């Protein structure tokens, strides 16, 4: 059986600690890199929101409307399916149910809720990133093996074109 050339037991399927660690470290670095714009947006949101004397004042601040919607828990993906009235209702709900009860801490509450939604979207994009990296590594390993064996094969490039390996 050909697979016995590569696998001698179940332990051959266990990823070594060093590889697991390296993968998690690389993912953490990428997550921090991708998260930096969200932190900058949160800082800008905080500076703008501090100009409001009450949570209700935020309702008229059109320059931060997109961030208010994010703080209301509406993702970018969900936003494209909403009507303007739905967006207004989501922001009003945020103010009524979360920012007004926060009292003088409403700006911090706003920023925390903004970051909560952005963090959720970051988590999703990181899962996609991790899956894409795994797919690239597996594909590269399979192609390398086929080439090293002198196998003739077709493969589909990222641009969708089928290519013939020598």
Protein backbone atom coordinates (compact mmCIF):
# COMPACT_ATOMS: atom_id res chain seq x y z
CA UNK A 1 0.00 0.00 0.00
CA UNK A 2 1.58 3.30 -1.17
CA UNK A 3 0.51 5.32 1.87
CA UNK A 4 2.78 3.18 4.05
CA UNK A 5 5.73 5.02 2.48
CA UNK A 6 4.55 8.11 4.36
CA UNK A 7 2.56 6.84 7.34
CA UNK A 8 3.77 4.20 9.72
CA UNK A 9 1.29 4.88 12.50
CA UNK A 10 -1.20 7.29 14.01
CA UNK A 11 1.61 9.35 15.52
CA UNK A 12 2.64 10.37 11.97
CA UNK A 13 -0.62 12.34 11.75
CA UNK A 14 0.07 14.44 14.84
CA UNK A 15 1.35 17.93 14.12
CA UNK A 16 4.58 18.60 16.04
CA UNK A 17 4.36 21.20 18.80
CA UNK A 18 6.83 23.50 17.03
CA UNK A 19 4.65 23.59 13.89
CA UNK A 20 1.48 24.19 15.93
CA UNK A 21 3.17 26.98 17.85
CA UNK A 22 4.55 28.56 14.67
CA UNK A 23 1.08 28.50 13.10
CA UNK A 24 -0.56 30.17 16.10
CA UNK A 25 2.18 32.80 16.33
CA UNK A 26 1.83 33.60 12.61
CA UNK A 27 -1.95 33.83 13.02
CA UNK A 28 -1.61 36.15 16.03
CA UNK A 29 0.74 38.46 14.11
CA UNK A 30 -1.65 38.57 11.16
CA UNK A 31 -4.62 39.20 13.46
CA UNK A 32 -2.82 42.15 15.05
CA UNK A 33 -1.91 43.51 11.62
CA UNK A 34 -5.50 43.23 10.38
CA UNK A 35 -6.89 44.61 13.64
CA UNK A 36 -4.86 47.82 13.59
CA UNK A 37 -7.31 49.73 11.35
CA UNK A 38 -10.17 48.80 13.72
CA UNK A 39 -8.26 50.25 16.67
CA UNK A 40 -7.63 53.44 14.69
CA UNK A 41 -11.34 53.64 13.80
CA UNK A 42 -12.28 53.14 17.45
CA UNK A 43 -9.96 55.96 18.52
CA UNK A 44 -11.48 58.25 15.90
CA UNK A 45 -15.00 57.23 16.97
CA UNK A 46 -14.18 57.99 20.59
CA UNK A 47 -12.80 61.44 19.74
CA UNK A 48 -15.90 62.30 17.71
CA UNK A 49 -18.34 60.86 20.26
CA UNK A 50 -16.76 62.83 23.09
CA UNK A 51 -18.16 65.96 21.43
CA UNK A 52 -21.67 64.75 22.29
CA UNK A 53 -23.04 65.79 25.65
CA UNK A 54 -25.55 62.93 25.71
CA UNK A 55 -26.18 59.70 23.82
CA UNK A 56 -29.11 61.32 22.00
CA UNK A 57 -26.71 63.87 20.48
CA UNK A 58 -25.05 60.99 18.64
CA UNK A 59 -28.19 60.49 16.54
CA UNK A 60 -27.49 63.70 14.64
CA UNK A 61 -23.79 63.06 14.08
CA UNK A 62 -23.86 61.88 10.47
CA UNK A 63 -20.06 61.70 10.21
CA UNK A 64 -20.02 58.70 12.59
CA UNK A 65 -23.23 57.04 11.41
CA UNK A 66 -21.42 54.01 9.94
CA UNK A 67 -19.57 53.46 13.22
CA UNK A 68 -22.79 53.87 15.21
CA UNK A 69 -24.33 51.17 13.06
CA UNK A 70 -21.36 48.92 13.73
CA UNK A 71 -21.67 49.58 17.47
CA UNK A 72 -25.34 48.63 17.15
CA UNK A 73 -24.14 45.17 16.11
CA UNK A 74 -24.74 45.47 12.38
CA UNK A 75 -21.94 43.87 10.39
CA UNK A 76 -20.79 45.17 7.01
CA UNK A 77 -22.29 42.05 5.45
CA UNK A 78 -25.67 42.66 7.11
CA UNK A 79 -25.63 46.39 6.34
CA UNK A 80 -26.01 45.87 2.58
CA UNK A 81 -29.39 44.20 3.21
CA UNK A 82 -30.85 47.02 5.33
CA UNK A 83 -32.99 49.95 4.32
CA UNK A 84 -32.22 53.44 5.69
CA UNK A 85 -35.11 53.14 8.16
CA UNK A 86 -33.68 49.85 9.46
CA UNK A 87 -30.30 51.48 10.03
CA UNK A 88 -31.88 54.38 11.89
CA UNK A 89 -33.88 51.96 14.05
CA UNK A 90 -30.76 49.93 14.89
CA UNK A 91 -28.89 53.05 15.99
CA UNK A 92 -31.88 54.30 18.00
CA UNK A 93 -32.05 50.89 19.70
CA UNK A 94 -28.35 51.15 20.56
CA UNK A 95 -28.86 54.56 22.14
CA UNK A 96 -32.04 53.63 24.00
CA UNK A 97 -31.02 50.22 25.34
CA UNK A 98 -27.29 50.54 25.88
CA UNK A 99 -25.90 54.06 25.71
CA UNK A 100 -28.52 55.88 27.79
CA UNK A 101 -28.30 53.28 30.61
CA UNK A 102 -24.49 53.70 30.58
CA UNK A 103 -24.91 57.28 31.81
CA UNK A 104 -21.75 59.35 31.69
CA UNK A 105 -19.84 56.31 30.44
CA UNK A 106 -21.81 56.21 27.18
CA UNK A 107 -18.77 57.02 25.02
CA UNK A 108 -16.80 54.06 26.39
CA UNK A 109 -19.86 51.84 25.99
CA UNK A 110 -20.14 52.95 22.37
CA UNK A 111 -16.49 52.21 21.67
CA UNK A 112 -16.64 48.79 23.37
CA UNK A 113 -19.69 47.81 21.32
CA UNK A 114 -18.02 49.04 18.13
CA UNK A 115 -14.95 46.93 18.88
CA UNK A 116 -17.10 43.92 19.76
CA UNK A 117 -18.67 43.90 16.29
CA UNK A 118 -15.37 44.63 14.54
CA UNK A 119 -13.70 41.87 16.54
CA UNK A 120 -16.35 39.43 15.38
CA UNK A 121 -15.71 40.32 11.74
CA UNK A 122 -11.97 40.04 12.34
CA UNK A 123 -12.48 36.54 13.73
CA UNK A 124 -14.36 35.53 10.60
CA UNK A 125 -11.73 36.91 8.28
CA UNK A 126 -9.01 35.15 10.30
CA UNK A 127 -10.80 31.81 9.92
CA UNK A 128 -10.89 32.44 6.17
CA UNK A 129 -7.20 33.41 6.22
CA UNK A 130 -6.20 30.30 8.16
CA UNK A 131 -8.16 28.06 5.80
CA UNK A 132 -6.61 29.72 2.75
CA UNK A 133 -3.09 29.29 4.13
CA UNK A 134 -3.78 25.61 4.88
CA UNK A 135 -5.17 25.10 1.38
CA UNK A 136 -2.11 26.73 -0.21
CA UNK A 137 0.28 24.61 1.84
CA UNK A 138 -1.55 21.36 1.09
CA UNK A 139 -1.77 22.18 -2.62
CA UNK A 140 1.93 23.07 -2.75
CA UNK A 141 2.86 19.81 -1.00
CA UNK A 142 0.74 17.72 -3.40
CA UNK A 143 2.15 19.52 -6.46
CA UNK A 144 5.70 19.10 -5.18
CA UNK A 145 5.19 15.37 -4.65
CA UNK A 146 3.66 14.89 -8.10
CA UNK A 147 6.48 16.85 -9.74
CA UNK A 148 9.17 14.99 -7.80
CA UNK A 149 7.67 11.67 -8.92
CA UNK A 150 7.75 12.84 -12.53
CA UNK A 151 3.98 12.52 -12.80
CA UNK A 152 2.21 14.25 -15.65
CA UNK A 153 -0.90 16.06 -14.47
CA UNK A 154 -3.17 19.04 -15.02
CA UNK A 155 -3.88 21.59 -12.33
CA UNK A 156 -6.03 24.67 -12.16
CA UNK A 157 -4.19 27.89 -11.46
CA UNK A 158 -5.64 30.67 -9.30
CA UNK A 159 -6.65 32.54 -12.46
CA UNK A 160 -8.86 29.58 -13.43
CA UNK A 161 -6.67 28.38 -16.31
CA UNK A 162 -5.78 24.70 -16.49
CA UNK A 163 -2.02 24.17 -16.71
CA UNK A 164 -0.07 21.06 -17.64
CA UNK A 165 2.85 20.14 -15.44
CA UNK A 166 5.92 18.80 -17.19
